[in-house]
Amino acid sequence: KYKVPVFCGEWGSYKKYADAASRCRYTTAIKGL
């Protein structure tokens, strides 16, 4: 509509509250999308 690019500036998962397996699933899902 506005002829501008989309950029996802910052994403990730916080180690303090998510275990490694959850972080991997999240990374896989978001990066894939």
PDB file of all heavy atoms in Angstrom:
ATOM      1  N   LYS A   1       0.818  -1.209   0.000  1.00  0.00           N
ATOM      2  CA  LYS A   1       0.000   0.000   0.000  1.00  0.00           C
ATOM      3  C   LYS A   1       0.855   1.264   0.000  1.00  0.00           C
ATOM      4  O   LYS A   1       0.602   2.200  -0.739  1.00  0.00           O
ATOM      5  CB  LYS A   1      -0.930   0.004   1.208  1.00  0.00           C
ATOM      6  CG  LYS A   1      -1.831   1.219   1.268  1.00  0.00           C
ATOM      7  CD  LYS A   1      -2.779   1.160   2.455  1.00  0.00           C
ATOM      8  CE  LYS A   1      -3.649   2.388   2.502  1.00  0.00           C
ATOM      9  NZ  LYS A   1      -4.577   2.351   3.645  1.00  0.00           N
ATOM     10  N   TYR A   2       1.896   1.269   0.838  1.00  0.00           N
ATOM     11  CA  TYR A   2       2.719   2.468   0.985  1.00  0.00           C
ATOM     12  C   TYR A   2       4.057   2.400   0.248  1.00  0.00           C
ATOM     13  O   TYR A   2       4.868   3.299   0.355  1.00  0.00           O
ATOM     14  CB  TYR A   2       2.945   2.767   2.466  1.00  0.00           C
ATOM     15  CG  TYR A   2       1.665   3.160   3.156  1.00  0.00           C
ATOM     16  CD1 TYR A   2       0.996   2.246   3.967  1.00  0.00           C
ATOM     17  CD2 TYR A   2       1.107   4.411   2.977  1.00  0.00           C
ATOM     18  CE1 TYR A   2      -0.190   2.588   4.593  1.00  0.00           C
ATOM     19  CE2 TYR A   2      -0.075   4.767   3.591  1.00  0.00           C
ATOM     20  CZ  TYR A   2      -0.722   3.848   4.406  1.00  0.00           C
ATOM     21  OH  TYR A   2      -1.900   4.192   5.013  1.00  0.00           O
ATOM     22  N   LYS A   3       4.263   1.301  -0.462  1.00  0.00           N
ATOM     23  CA  LYS A   3       5.470   1.128  -1.272  1.00  0.00           C
ATOM     24  C   LYS A   3       6.759   1.284  -0.449  1.00  0.00           C
ATOM     25  O   LYS A   3       7.685   1.996  -0.833  1.00  0.00           O
ATOM     26  CB  LYS A   3       5.485   2.095  -2.449  1.00  0.00           C
ATOM     27  CG  LYS A   3       4.211   2.092  -3.267  1.00  0.00           C
ATOM     28  CD  LYS A   3       4.414   1.490  -4.602  1.00  0.00           C
ATOM     29  CE  LYS A   3       3.206   1.613  -5.497  1.00  0.00           C
ATOM     30  NZ  LYS A   3       2.076   0.822  -5.156  1.00  0.00           N
ATOM     31  N   VAL A   4       6.777   0.609   0.705  1.00  0.00           N
ATOM     32  CA  VAL A   4       7.952   0.621   1.573  1.00  0.00           C
ATOM     33  C   VAL A   4       8.320  -0.830   1.917  1.00  0.00           C
ATOM     34  O   VAL A   4       7.461  -1.694   1.991  1.00  0.00           O
ATOM     35  CB  VAL A   4       7.705   1.417   2.884  1.00  0.00           C
ATOM     36  CG1 VAL A   4       7.468   2.877   2.580  1.00  0.00           C
ATOM     37  CG2 VAL A   4       6.565   0.834   3.669  1.00  0.00           C
ATOM     38  N   PRO A   5       9.602  -1.091   2.110  1.00  0.00           N
ATOM     39  CA  PRO A   5      10.005  -2.450   2.471  1.00  0.00           C
ATOM     40  C   PRO A   5       9.675  -2.757   3.933  1.00  0.00           C
ATOM     41  O   PRO A   5       9.528  -1.854   4.752  1.00  0.00           O
ATOM     42  CB  PRO A   5      11.518  -2.439   2.256  1.00  0.00           C
ATOM     43  CG  PRO A   5      11.903  -1.018   2.430  1.00  0.00           C
ATOM     44  CD  PRO A   5      10.736  -0.201   1.933  1.00  0.00           C
ATOM     45  N   VAL A   6       9.538  -4.034   4.222  1.00  0.00           N
ATOM     46  CA  VAL A   6       9.333  -4.493   5.594  1.00  0.00           C
ATOM     47  C   VAL A   6      10.655  -5.059   6.083  1.00  0.00           C
ATOM     48  O   VAL A   6      11.346  -5.778   5.364  1.00  0.00           O
ATOM     49  CB  VAL A   6       8.234  -5.576   5.665  1.00  0.00           C
ATOM     50  CG1 VAL A   6       8.144  -6.184   7.053  1.00  0.00           C
ATOM     51  CG2 VAL A   6       6.898  -4.993   5.245  1.00  0.00           C
ATOM     52  N   PHE A   7      11.016  -4.741   7.308  1.00  0.00           N
ATOM     53  CA  PHE A   7      12.231  -5.252   7.922  1.00  0.00           C
ATOM     54  C   PHE A   7      11.919  -5.610   9.369  1.00  0.00           C
ATOM     55  O   PHE A   7      11.346  -4.798  10.102  1.00  0.00           O
ATOM     56  CB  PHE A   7      13.339  -4.180   7.877  1.00  0.00           C
ATOM     57  CG  PHE A   7      14.603  -4.598   8.565  1.00  0.00           C
ATOM     58  CD1 PHE A   7      15.450  -5.525   7.988  1.00  0.00           C
ATOM     59  CD2 PHE A   7      14.941  -4.071   9.796  1.00  0.00           C
ATOM     60  CE1 PHE A   7      16.622  -5.919   8.627  1.00  0.00           C
ATOM     61  CE2 PHE A   7      16.110  -4.449  10.447  1.00  0.00           C
ATOM     62  CZ  PHE A   7      16.940  -5.376   9.853  1.00  0.00           C
ATOM     63  N   CYS A   8      12.257  -6.808   9.783  1.00  0.00           N
ATOM     64  CA  CYS A   8      12.087  -7.228  11.174  1.00  0.00           C
ATOM     65  C   CYS A   8      13.380  -6.890  11.897  1.00  0.00           C
ATOM     66  O   CYS A   8      14.375  -7.604  11.786  1.00  0.00           O
ATOM     67  CB  CYS A   8      11.782  -8.725  11.245  1.00  0.00           C
ATOM     68  SG  CYS A   8      11.556  -9.314  12.926  1.00  0.00           S
ATOM     69  N   GLY A   9      13.370  -5.792  12.603  1.00  0.00           N
ATOM     70  CA  GLY A   9      14.586  -5.223  13.156  1.00  0.00           C
ATOM     71  C   GLY A   9      15.299  -6.028  14.218  1.00  0.00           C
ATOM     72  O   GLY A   9      16.501  -6.164  14.180  1.00  0.00           O
ATOM     73  N   GLU A  10      14.602  -6.562  15.174  1.00  0.00           N
ATOM     74  CA  GLU A  10      15.273  -7.289  16.250  1.00  0.00           C
ATOM     75  C   GLU A  10      14.357  -8.386  16.752  1.00  0.00           C
ATOM     76  O   GLU A  10      13.210  -8.130  17.104  1.00  0.00           O
ATOM     77  CB  GLU A  10      15.605  -6.337  17.404  1.00  0.00           C
ATOM     78  CG  GLU A  10      16.534  -5.229  16.995  1.00  0.00           C
ATOM     79  CD  GLU A  10      16.650  -4.144  18.051  1.00  0.00           C
ATOM     80  OE1 GLU A  10      15.907  -4.171  19.046  1.00  0.00           O
ATOM     81  OE2 GLU A  10      17.487  -3.258  17.863  1.00  0.00           O
ATOM     82  N   TRP A  11      14.876  -9.587  16.797  1.00  0.00           N
ATOM     83  CA  TRP A  11      14.113 -10.691  17.374  1.00  0.00           C
ATOM     84  C   TRP A  11      15.085 -11.689  17.985  1.00  0.00           C
ATOM     85  O   TRP A  11      16.252 -11.721  17.648  1.00  0.00           O
ATOM     86  CB  TRP A  11      13.211 -11.355  16.335  1.00  0.00           C
ATOM     87  CG  TRP A  11      13.950 -12.030  15.214  1.00  0.00           C
ATOM     88  CD1 TRP A  11      14.456 -11.425  14.099  1.00  0.00           C
ATOM     89  CD2 TRP A  11      14.278 -13.414  15.099  1.00  0.00           C
ATOM     90  NE1 TRP A  11      15.082 -12.348  13.301  1.00  0.00           N
ATOM     91  CE2 TRP A  11      14.985 -13.596  13.902  1.00  0.00           C
ATOM     92  CE3 TRP A  11      14.047 -14.526  15.907  1.00  0.00           C
ATOM     93  CZ2 TRP A  11      15.455 -14.821  13.483  1.00  0.00           C
ATOM     94  CZ3 TRP A  11      14.516 -15.759  15.478  1.00  0.00           C
ATOM     95  CH2 TRP A  11      15.211 -15.885  14.274  1.00  0.00           C
ATOM     96  N   GLY A  12      14.597 -12.482  18.901  1.00  0.00           N
ATOM     97  CA  GLY A  12      15.413 -13.479  19.572  1.00  0.00           C
ATOM     98  C   GLY A  12      14.674 -13.988  20.796  1.00  0.00           C
ATOM     99  O   GLY A  12      13.516 -13.653  21.012  1.00  0.00           O
ATOM    100  N   SER A  13      15.318 -14.803  21.592  1.00  0.00           N
ATOM    101  CA  SER A  13      14.695 -15.321  22.810  1.00  0.00           C
ATOM    102  C   SER A  13      15.674 -15.164  23.972  1.00  0.00           C
ATOM    103  O   SER A  13      16.873 -15.383  23.830  1.00  0.00           O
ATOM    104  CB  SER A  13      14.278 -16.774  22.639  1.00  0.00           C
ATOM    105  OG  SER A  13      15.371 -17.572  22.225  1.00  0.00           O
ATOM    106  N   TYR A  14      15.139 -14.801  25.096  1.00  0.00           N
ATOM    107  CA  TYR A  14      15.910 -14.465  26.285  1.00  0.00           C
ATOM    108  C   TYR A  14      16.313 -15.738  27.028  1.00  0.00           C
ATOM    109  O   TYR A  14      15.459 -16.495  27.488  1.00  0.00           O
ATOM    110  CB  TYR A  14      15.057 -13.555  27.155  1.00  0.00           C
ATOM    111  CG  TYR A  14      15.745 -12.895  28.305  1.00  0.00           C
ATOM    112  CD1 TYR A  14      17.025 -12.368  28.175  1.00  0.00           C
ATOM    113  CD2 TYR A  14      15.103 -12.757  29.512  1.00  0.00           C
ATOM    114  CE1 TYR A  14      17.642 -11.735  29.242  1.00  0.00           C
ATOM    115  CE2 TYR A  14      15.712 -12.127  30.584  1.00  0.00           C
ATOM    116  CZ  TYR A  14      16.975 -11.619  30.444  1.00  0.00           C
ATOM    117  OH  TYR A  14      17.584 -10.994  31.499  1.00  0.00           O
ATOM    118  N   LYS A  15      17.607 -15.965  27.149  1.00  0.00           N
ATOM    119  CA  LYS A  15      18.137 -17.186  27.783  1.00  0.00           C
ATOM    120  C   LYS A  15      17.647 -17.403  29.209  1.00  0.00           C
ATOM    121  O   LYS A  15      17.468 -18.534  29.638  1.00  0.00           O
ATOM    122  CB  LYS A  15      19.667 -17.138  27.826  1.00  0.00           C
ATOM    123  CG  LYS A  15      20.353 -17.434  26.552  1.00  0.00           C
ATOM    124  CD  LYS A  15      21.859 -17.411  26.807  1.00  0.00           C
ATOM    125  CE  LYS A  15      22.610 -17.878  25.602  1.00  0.00           C
ATOM    126  NZ  LYS A  15      24.047 -17.932  25.861  1.00  0.00           N
ATOM    127  N   LYS A  16      17.457 -16.333  29.932  1.00  0.00           N
ATOM    128  CA  LYS A  16      17.101 -16.441  31.350  1.00  0.00           C
ATOM    129  C   LYS A  16      15.772 -17.164  31.557  1.00  0.00           C
ATOM    130  O   LYS A  16      15.581 -17.842  32.560  1.00  0.00           O
ATOM    131  CB  LYS A  16      17.047 -15.050  31.972  1.00  0.00           C
ATOM    132  CG  LYS A  16      16.780 -15.043  33.456  1.00  0.00           C
ATOM    133  CD  LYS A  16      16.871 -13.645  34.019  1.00  0.00           C
ATOM    134  CE  LYS A  16      16.597 -13.648  35.517  1.00  0.00           C
ATOM    135  NZ  LYS A  16      16.696 -12.301  36.085  1.00  0.00           N
ATOM    136  N   TYR A  17      14.842 -17.043  30.623  1.00  0.00           N
ATOM    137  CA  TYR A  17      13.504 -17.589  30.810  1.00  0.00           C
ATOM    138  C   TYR A  17      13.123 -18.703  29.842  1.00  0.00           C
ATOM    139  O   TYR A  17      12.003 -19.198  29.906  1.00  0.00           O
ATOM    140  CB  TYR A  17      12.461 -16.472  30.722  1.00  0.00           C
ATOM    141  CG  TYR A  17      12.659 -15.436  31.794  1.00  0.00           C
ATOM    142  CD1 TYR A  17      13.066 -14.152  31.484  1.00  0.00           C
ATOM    143  CD2 TYR A  17      12.462 -15.759  33.135  1.00  0.00           C
ATOM    144  CE1 TYR A  17      13.262 -13.198  32.481  1.00  0.00           C
ATOM    145  CE2 TYR A  17      12.665 -14.820  34.131  1.00  0.00           C
ATOM    146  CZ  TYR A  17      13.053 -13.542  33.798  1.00  0.00           C
ATOM    147  OH  TYR A  17      13.253 -12.620  34.779  1.00  0.00           O
ATOM    148  N   ALA A  18      14.012 -19.100  28.964  1.00  0.00           N
ATOM    149  CA  ALA A  18      13.680 -20.158  28.003  1.00  0.00           C
ATOM    150  C   ALA A  18      14.828 -21.158  27.926  1.00  0.00           C
ATOM    151  O   ALA A  18      15.990 -20.768  27.861  1.00  0.00           O
ATOM    152  CB  ALA A  18      13.418 -19.546  26.627  1.00  0.00           C
ATOM    153  N   ASP A  19      14.473 -22.428  27.941  1.00  0.00           N
ATOM    154  CA  ASP A  19      15.515 -23.452  27.838  1.00  0.00           C
ATOM    155  C   ASP A  19      16.001 -23.555  26.395  1.00  0.00           C
ATOM    156  O   ASP A  19      15.401 -22.997  25.474  1.00  0.00           O
ATOM    157  CB  ASP A  19      15.025 -24.797  28.366  1.00  0.00           C
ATOM    158  CG  ASP A  19      13.844 -25.356  27.591  1.00  0.00           C
ATOM    159  OD1 ASP A  19      13.751 -25.137  26.366  1.00  0.00           O
ATOM    160  OD2 ASP A  19      13.007 -26.033  28.220  1.00  0.00           O
ATOM    161  N   ALA A  20      17.084 -24.260  26.198  1.00  0.00           N
ATOM    162  CA  ALA A  20      17.718 -24.358  24.879  1.00  0.00           C
ATOM    163  C   ALA A  20      16.770 -24.931  23.829  1.00  0.00           C
ATOM    164  O   ALA A  20      16.699 -24.434  22.709  1.00  0.00           O
ATOM    165  CB  ALA A  20      18.990 -25.191  24.962  1.00  0.00           C
ATOM    166  N   ALA A  21      16.031 -25.973  24.182  1.00  0.00           N
ATOM    167  CA  ALA A  21      15.122 -26.596  23.209  1.00  0.00           C
ATOM    168  C   ALA A  21      14.030 -25.620  22.770  1.00  0.00           C
ATOM    169  O   ALA A  21      13.703 -25.530  21.580  1.00  0.00           O
ATOM    170  CB  ALA A  21      14.511 -27.861  23.801  1.00  0.00           C
ATOM    171  N   SER A  22      13.473 -24.872  23.713  1.00  0.00           N
ATOM    172  CA  SER A  22      12.444 -23.880  23.379  1.00  0.00           C
ATOM    173  C   SER A  22      13.010 -22.780  22.499  1.00  0.00           C
ATOM    174  O   SER A  22      12.369 -22.344  21.546  1.00  0.00           O
ATOM    175  CB  SER A  22      11.874 -23.247  24.658  1.00  0.00           C
ATOM    176  OG  SER A  22      11.213 -24.193  25.435  1.00  0.00           O
ATOM    177  N   ARG A  23      14.219 -22.354  22.816  1.00  0.00           N
ATOM    178  CA  ARG A  23      14.858 -21.297  22.035  1.00  0.00           C
ATOM    179  C   ARG A  23      15.118 -21.770  20.605  1.00  0.00           C
ATOM    180  O   ARG A  23      14.962 -21.016  19.650  1.00  0.00           O
ATOM    181  CB  ARG A  23      16.143 -20.840  22.711  1.00  0.00           C
ATOM    182  CG  ARG A  23      15.868 -20.203  24.071  1.00  0.00           C
ATOM    183  CD  ARG A  23      17.130 -19.772  24.777  1.00  0.00           C
ATOM    184  NE  ARG A  23      17.580 -18.550  24.140  1.00  0.00           N
ATOM    185  CZ  ARG A  23      18.811 -18.340  23.703  1.00  0.00           C
ATOM    186  NH1 ARG A  23      19.736 -19.253  23.846  1.00  0.00           N
ATOM    187  NH2 ARG A  23      19.136 -17.211  23.139  1.00  0.00           N
ATOM    188  N   CYS A  24      15.504 -23.024  20.460  1.00  0.00           N
ATOM    189  CA  CYS A  24      15.741 -23.577  19.124  1.00  0.00           C
ATOM    190  C   CYS A  24      14.441 -23.649  18.329  1.00  0.00           C
ATOM    191  O   CYS A  24      14.414 -23.296  17.146  1.00  0.00           O
ATOM    192  CB  CYS A  24      16.366 -24.966  19.223  1.00  0.00           C
ATOM    193  SG  CYS A  24      18.091 -24.948  19.744  1.00  0.00           S
ATOM    194  N   ARG A  25      13.367 -24.100  18.966  1.00  0.00           N
ATOM    195  CA  ARG A  25      12.065 -24.172  18.270  1.00  0.00           C
ATOM    196  C   ARG A  25      11.607 -22.781  17.849  1.00  0.00           C
ATOM    197  O   ARG A  25      11.133 -22.581  16.724  1.00  0.00           O
ATOM    198  CB  ARG A  25      11.017 -24.837  19.155  1.00  0.00           C
ATOM    199  CG  ARG A  25      11.195 -26.326  19.305  1.00  0.00           C
ATOM    200  CD  ARG A  25       9.997 -26.994  19.961  1.00  0.00           C
ATOM    201  NE  ARG A  25       9.690 -26.444  21.269  1.00  0.00           N
ATOM    202  CZ  ARG A  25      10.212 -26.863  22.413  1.00  0.00           C
ATOM    203  NH1 ARG A  25      11.098 -27.855  22.416  1.00  0.00           N
ATOM    204  NH2 ARG A  25       9.865 -26.310  23.554  1.00  0.00           N
ATOM    205  N   TYR A  26      11.752 -21.818  18.740  1.00  0.00           N
ATOM    206  CA  TYR A  26      11.357 -20.448  18.439  1.00  0.00           C
ATOM    207  C   TYR A  26      12.182 -19.899  17.267  1.00  0.00           C
ATOM    208  O   TYR A  26      11.630 -19.326  16.323  1.00  0.00           O
ATOM    209  CB  TYR A  26      11.541 -19.576  19.682  1.00  0.00           C
ATOM    210  CG  TYR A  26      11.312 -18.104  19.434  1.00  0.00           C
ATOM    211  CD1 TYR A  26      10.035 -17.587  19.390  1.00  0.00           C
ATOM    212  CD2 TYR A  26      12.384 -17.237  19.234  1.00  0.00           C
ATOM    213  CE1 TYR A  26       9.822 -16.231  19.155  1.00  0.00           C
ATOM    214  CE2 TYR A  26      12.186 -15.898  18.999  1.00  0.00           C
ATOM    215  CZ  TYR A  26      10.901 -15.397  18.962  1.00  0.00           C
ATOM    216  OH  TYR A  26      10.703 -14.061  18.718  1.00  0.00           O
ATOM    217  N   THR A  27      13.478 -20.078  17.331  1.00  0.00           N
ATOM    218  CA  THR A  27      14.362 -19.593  16.269  1.00  0.00           C
ATOM    219  C   THR A  27      14.005 -20.231  14.933  1.00  0.00           C
ATOM    220  O   THR A  27      13.908 -19.547  13.915  1.00  0.00           O
ATOM    221  CB  THR A  27      15.834 -19.864  16.625  1.00  0.00           C
ATOM    222  OG1 THR A  27      16.134 -19.180  17.849  1.00  0.00           O
ATOM    223  CG2 THR A  27      16.782 -19.397  15.532  1.00  0.00           C
ATOM    224  N   THR A  28      13.779 -21.525  14.943  1.00  0.00           N
ATOM    225  CA  THR A  28      13.403 -22.238  13.717  1.00  0.00           C
ATOM    226  C   THR A  28      12.107 -21.682  13.141  1.00  0.00           C
ATOM    227  O   THR A  28      12.005 -21.417  11.942  1.00  0.00           O
ATOM    228  CB  THR A  28      13.258 -23.745  13.997  1.00  0.00           C
ATOM    229  OG1 THR A  28      14.515 -24.249  14.449  1.00  0.00           O
ATOM    230  CG2 THR A  28      12.820 -24.506  12.765  1.00  0.00           C
ATOM    231  N   ALA A  29      11.105 -21.484  14.006  1.00  0.00           N
ATOM    232  CA  ALA A  29       9.799 -21.000  13.548  1.00  0.00           C
ATOM    233  C   ALA A  29       9.873 -19.579  13.003  1.00  0.00           C
ATOM    234  O   ALA A  29       9.392 -19.306  11.893  1.00  0.00           O
ATOM    235  CB  ALA A  29       8.792 -21.078  14.690  1.00  0.00           C
ATOM    236  N   ILE A  30      10.463 -18.672  13.750  1.00  0.00           N
ATOM    237  CA  ILE A  30      10.497 -17.266  13.321  1.00  0.00           C
ATOM    238  C   ILE A  30      11.374 -17.085  12.093  1.00  0.00           C
ATOM    239  O   ILE A  30      10.979 -16.419  11.124  1.00  0.00           O
ATOM    240  CB  ILE A  30      10.964 -16.351  14.472  1.00  0.00           C
ATOM    241  CG1 ILE A  30      10.001 -16.447  15.659  1.00  0.00           C
ATOM    242  CG2 ILE A  30      11.117 -14.913  13.997  1.00  0.00           C
ATOM    243  CD1 ILE A  30       8.562 -16.088  15.342  1.00  0.00           C
ATOM    244  N   LYS A  31      12.555 -17.682  12.095  1.00  0.00           N
ATOM    245  CA  LYS A  31      13.436 -17.574  10.934  1.00  0.00           C
ATOM    246  C   LYS A  31      12.764 -18.164   9.695  1.00  0.00           C
ATOM    247  O   LYS A  31      12.827 -17.599   8.607  1.00  0.00           O
ATOM    248  CB  LYS A  31      14.770 -18.264  11.186  1.00  0.00           C
ATOM    249  CG  LYS A  31      15.741 -18.121  10.027  1.00  0.00           C
ATOM    250  CD  LYS A  31      17.043 -18.840  10.319  1.00  0.00           C
ATOM    251  CE  LYS A  31      18.006 -18.752   9.156  1.00  0.00           C
ATOM    252  NZ  LYS A  31      17.489 -19.270   7.892  1.00  0.00           N
ATOM    253  N   GLY A  32      12.096 -19.305   9.876  1.00  0.00           N
ATOM    254  CA  GLY A  32      11.398 -19.934   8.753  1.00  0.00           C
ATOM    255  C   GLY A  32      10.319 -19.042   8.161  1.00  0.00           C
ATOM    256  O   GLY A  32      10.201 -18.919   6.938  1.00  0.00           O
ATOM    257  N   LEU A  33       9.532 -18.413   9.024  1.00  0.00           N
ATOM    258  CA  LEU A  33       8.482 -17.507   8.540  1.00  0.00           C
ATOM    259  C   LEU A  33       9.056 -16.287   7.838  1.00  0.00           C
ATOM    260  O   LEU A  33       8.579 -15.891   6.764  1.00  0.00           O
ATOM    261  CB  LEU A  33       7.600 -17.059   9.708  1.00  0.00           C
ATOM    262  CG  LEU A  33       6.631 -18.093  10.243  1.00  0.00           C
ATOM    263  CD1 LEU A  33       5.998 -17.599  11.543  1.00  0.00           C
ATOM    264  CD2 LEU A  33       5.570 -18.414   9.219  1.00  0.00           C
TER     265      LEU A  33
END
